[in-house]
Amino acid sequence: MNKVKPLIPPLQLYKKILREHKYLPQIQRELGDQYVKNEFKLHKETDNPLHIVGFLTSWQDYLHTITQGKWVEGSLSKDVLGKMSNEQIGQLYELMKETQHKNIIKGNEC
């Protein structure tokens, strides 16, 4: 039987995520912090309960992933990609480009 985890309140979840980012490499931390801050800010005024539950559940899953150190080998399944909106896929693509750009810059600084 699957246990349903209670949702962490938004502000508490936000703070826990940023706290966990302190254990990430600097580039991932910077990008992660910026992305988390932007996403929580964009969804601050959301009043649709289904969107709120989905948003908090996704971020809580993310928190669990980075807390367990599973982010290093993480990849998205076709099932997960299939459930994403075009906007989400676009955001993911932009995030990928930004991380590649930062890795190139970091490589040139060494």
Protein backbone atom coordinates (compact mmCIF):
# COMPACT_ATOMS: atom_id res chain seq x y z
CA MET A 1 0.00 0.00 0.00
CA ASN A 2 1.33 3.44 -0.97
CA LYS A 3 1.57 5.90 1.86
CA VAL A 4 0.52 9.40 0.91
CA LYS A 5 3.02 11.89 2.27
CA PRO A 6 1.51 15.00 3.81
CA LEU A 7 2.37 18.15 1.89
CA ILE A 8 4.90 20.51 3.38
CA PRO A 9 3.58 24.11 3.58
CA PRO A 10 4.92 26.28 0.72
CA LEU A 11 7.22 28.58 2.70
CA GLN A 12 8.67 25.71 4.70
CA LEU A 13 9.21 23.69 1.50
CA TYR A 14 10.88 26.68 -0.19
CA LYS A 15 13.29 27.14 2.71
CA LYS A 16 14.11 23.42 2.90
CA ILE A 17 14.92 23.30 -0.81
CA LEU A 18 17.23 26.32 -0.60
CA ARG A 19 18.88 24.80 2.49
CA GLU A 20 19.52 21.53 0.62
CA HIS A 21 20.97 23.43 -2.33
CA LYS A 22 23.88 24.39 -0.07
CA TYR A 23 25.19 20.85 -0.58
CA LEU A 24 25.16 21.10 -4.38
CA PRO A 25 28.16 22.14 -6.48
CA GLN A 26 28.24 25.92 -6.95
CA ILE A 27 26.91 26.01 -10.52
CA GLN A 28 23.98 23.72 -9.69
CA ARG A 29 23.31 25.70 -6.53
CA GLU A 30 23.20 29.04 -8.33
CA LEU A 31 20.93 27.77 -11.09
CA GLY A 32 18.78 25.81 -8.66
CA ASP A 33 18.32 28.72 -6.29
CA GLN A 34 17.40 31.06 -9.13
CA TYR A 35 14.96 28.56 -10.63
CA VAL A 36 13.28 27.73 -7.29
CA LYS A 37 12.89 31.41 -6.42
CA ASN A 38 11.38 32.19 -9.83
CA GLU A 39 8.97 29.24 -9.75
CA PHE A 40 7.71 29.93 -6.24
CA LYS A 41 7.29 33.61 -7.09
CA LEU A 42 5.35 32.77 -10.28
CA HIS A 43 3.02 30.44 -8.39
CA LYS A 44 2.58 32.62 -5.31
CA GLU A 45 -0.88 33.87 -6.34
CA THR A 46 -2.19 30.53 -7.62
CA ASP A 47 -5.56 29.75 -6.12
CA ASN A 48 -6.52 26.54 -7.95
CA PRO A 49 -6.24 23.74 -5.36
CA LEU A 50 -5.26 21.14 -7.99
CA HIS A 51 -2.43 23.32 -9.26
CA ILE A 52 -1.25 24.02 -5.73
CA VAL A 53 -1.22 20.33 -4.79
CA GLY A 54 0.57 19.40 -8.03
CA PHE A 55 3.12 22.18 -7.58
CA LEU A 56 3.88 21.32 -3.96
CA THR A 57 3.98 17.58 -4.68
CA SER A 58 6.48 18.08 -7.52
CA TRP A 59 8.74 20.29 -5.42
CA GLN A 60 8.48 17.92 -2.47
CA ASP A 61 9.56 15.06 -4.77
CA TYR A 62 12.45 17.23 -5.95
CA LEU A 63 13.45 17.92 -2.34
CA HIS A 64 13.43 14.20 -1.63
CA THR A 65 15.56 13.54 -4.73
CA ILE A 66 18.26 16.05 -3.85
CA THR A 67 18.21 15.09 -0.17
CA GLN A 68 18.88 11.46 -1.13
CA GLY A 69 21.63 12.47 -3.58
CA LYS A 70 19.73 10.91 -6.50
CA TRP A 71 19.93 14.10 -8.57
CA VAL A 72 23.41 13.18 -9.84
CA GLU A 73 22.17 10.23 -11.87
CA GLY A 74 18.70 11.59 -12.46
CA SER A 75 17.03 11.43 -15.81
CA LEU A 76 13.49 11.92 -17.01
CA SER A 77 11.51 8.96 -18.24
CA LYS A 78 9.41 9.11 -21.39
CA ASP A 79 6.37 8.88 -19.13
CA VAL A 80 7.38 12.00 -17.20
CA LEU A 81 8.24 13.89 -20.39
CA GLY A 82 4.91 12.85 -21.89
CA LYS A 83 3.06 14.44 -18.97
CA MET A 84 4.88 17.76 -19.32
CA SER A 85 3.29 20.73 -21.06
CA ASN A 86 5.03 22.42 -23.98
CA GLU A 87 5.87 25.29 -21.63
CA GLN A 88 7.51 22.92 -19.13
CA ILE A 89 9.52 21.24 -21.88
CA GLY A 90 10.62 24.68 -23.09
CA GLN A 91 11.70 25.60 -19.55
CA LEU A 92 13.61 22.35 -19.26
CA TYR A 93 15.35 23.03 -22.57
CA GLU A 94 16.29 26.58 -21.48
CA LEU A 95 17.63 25.21 -18.19
CA MET A 96 19.71 22.65 -20.09
CA LYS A 97 21.15 25.38 -22.35
CA GLU A 98 21.96 27.56 -19.34
CA THR A 99 23.77 24.75 -17.53
CA GLN A 100 25.77 23.92 -20.65
CA HIS A 101 26.65 27.61 -21.04
CA LYS A 102 27.77 27.89 -17.40
CA ASN A 103 29.82 24.69 -17.71
CA ILE A 104 31.59 26.12 -20.78
CA ILE A 105 32.32 29.38 -18.94
CA LYS A 106 33.57 27.49 -15.88
CA GLY A 107 35.78 25.33 -18.12
CA ASN A 108 37.34 28.44 -19.66
CA GLU A 109 38.08 29.94 -16.23
CA CYS A 110 40.11 26.94 -15.04
